Amino acid sequence: MATKVYIVYYSMYGHVEKLAEEIKKGADSVEGVEATLWQVPETLSEDVLIKMNTPPKSEVPIIEPRQLADADALILGFPTRYGMMAAQFKAFLDATD
């Protein structure tokens, strides 16, 4: 049975997503590892994102907090803002049981 590794990230402008993709390549190269990319839900409205000139979100699926329990390992990625994780990722973690 493969070891399920979830790579869970938040990326507004795509930088963290690129890092997550590279991490997935490395994880996929390990025999017996099944790596999956997941995005956390966006908390900003579409109007705000447009005003911030953000690119469209990728097709990577959105994870729900309850799905974290399905993974054998987690790799978390997010940008920092003033020394704290992005609010979107914090909101996601706050929603876990």
Protein backbone atom coordinates (compact mmCIF):
# COMPACT_ATOMS: atom_id res chain seq x y z
CA MET A 1 0.00 0.00 0.00
CA ALA A 2 1.37 3.40 -1.00
CA THR A 3 2.18 6.08 1.54
CA LYS A 4 -0.20 8.98 0.90
CA VAL A 5 1.49 12.36 1.10
CA TYR A 6 -0.73 15.43 0.85
CA ILE A 7 0.94 18.65 -0.25
CA VAL A 8 -1.44 21.32 1.00
CA TYR A 9 -0.77 24.94 0.09
CA TYR A 10 -2.10 28.44 -0.39
CA SER A 11 -0.78 30.54 -3.25
CA MET A 12 -2.20 33.90 -4.28
CA TYR A 13 0.19 34.72 -7.12
CA GLY A 14 1.45 31.21 -7.96
CA HIS A 15 4.86 31.27 -6.27
CA VAL A 16 4.03 28.78 -3.52
CA GLU A 17 2.17 26.65 -6.04
CA LYS A 18 5.35 26.32 -8.12
CA LEU A 19 7.24 25.18 -5.02
CA ALA A 20 4.48 22.66 -4.23
CA GLU A 21 4.70 21.26 -7.77
CA GLU A 22 8.46 20.75 -7.40
CA ILE A 23 7.98 19.06 -4.04
CA LYS A 24 5.43 16.74 -5.65
CA LYS A 25 7.95 15.80 -8.35
CA GLY A 26 10.45 14.84 -5.66
CA ALA A 27 7.89 12.90 -3.63
CA ASP A 28 6.64 11.07 -6.72
CA SER A 29 10.19 9.91 -7.42
CA VAL A 30 10.20 7.89 -4.19
CA GLU A 31 8.99 4.32 -4.60
CA GLY A 32 5.84 3.62 -2.60
CA VAL A 33 4.82 7.28 -2.24
CA GLU A 34 1.63 8.71 -3.70
CA ALA A 35 1.75 12.52 -3.53
CA THR A 36 -1.33 14.69 -4.07
CA LEU A 37 -1.54 18.47 -4.42
CA TRP A 38 -4.33 20.32 -2.61
CA GLN A 39 -5.22 24.00 -2.28
CA VAL A 40 -6.89 25.52 0.76
CA PRO A 41 -10.06 27.53 0.13
CA GLU A 42 -9.75 31.17 -0.86
CA THR A 43 -11.28 33.58 1.64
CA LEU A 44 -11.15 36.72 -0.51
CA SER A 45 -13.97 37.58 -2.89
CA GLU A 46 -13.48 37.42 -6.63
CA ASP A 47 -13.83 41.22 -6.81
CA VAL A 48 -10.94 41.72 -4.39
CA LEU A 49 -8.77 39.19 -6.22
CA ILE A 50 -9.38 40.99 -9.52
CA LYS A 51 -8.42 44.34 -7.96
CA MET A 52 -5.22 42.72 -6.67
CA ASN A 53 -4.38 41.50 -10.20
CA THR A 54 -4.10 37.88 -9.13
CA PRO A 55 -3.91 35.15 -11.76
CA PRO A 56 -6.75 32.63 -11.97
CA LYS A 57 -6.55 29.69 -9.56
CA SER A 58 -5.26 26.43 -10.97
CA GLU A 59 -7.24 23.23 -11.36
CA VAL A 60 -5.71 21.73 -8.20
CA PRO A 61 -8.62 20.57 -6.02
CA ILE A 62 -9.64 22.38 -2.86
CA ILE A 63 -9.19 20.35 0.32
CA GLU A 64 -11.61 20.23 3.22
CA PRO A 65 -10.23 20.01 6.76
CA ARG A 66 -11.71 16.54 7.36
CA GLN A 67 -9.67 15.17 4.43
CA LEU A 68 -6.37 15.75 6.26
CA ALA A 69 -6.98 12.56 8.27
CA ASP A 70 -6.76 10.50 5.06
CA ALA A 71 -3.06 11.34 4.60
CA ASP A 72 -0.11 9.46 6.04
CA ALA A 73 2.02 12.63 5.83
CA LEU A 74 1.41 16.33 5.27
CA ILE A 75 3.59 18.96 3.64
CA LEU A 76 2.20 22.45 4.19
CA GLY A 77 3.08 25.52 2.14
CA PHE A 78 2.04 29.14 2.45
CA PRO A 79 3.47 32.63 2.13
CA THR A 80 4.10 34.67 5.24
CA ARG A 81 2.77 38.10 5.96
CA TYR A 82 4.54 40.06 8.69
CA GLY A 83 5.89 36.83 10.16
CA MET A 84 2.54 35.00 10.18
CA MET A 85 1.05 32.49 7.79
CA ALA A 86 -1.41 33.76 5.18
CA ALA A 87 -4.88 34.35 6.63
CA GLN A 88 -6.38 31.85 4.16
CA PHE A 89 -4.22 29.04 5.51
CA LYS A 90 -4.83 30.07 9.12
CA ALA A 91 -8.59 30.01 8.48
CA PHE A 92 -8.22 26.51 7.04
CA LEU A 93 -6.27 25.25 10.07
CA ASP A 94 -8.73 26.91 12.43
CA ALA A 95 -11.51 24.85 10.80
CA THR A 96 -9.89 21.53 11.74
CA ASP A 97 -11.21 19.53 14.67
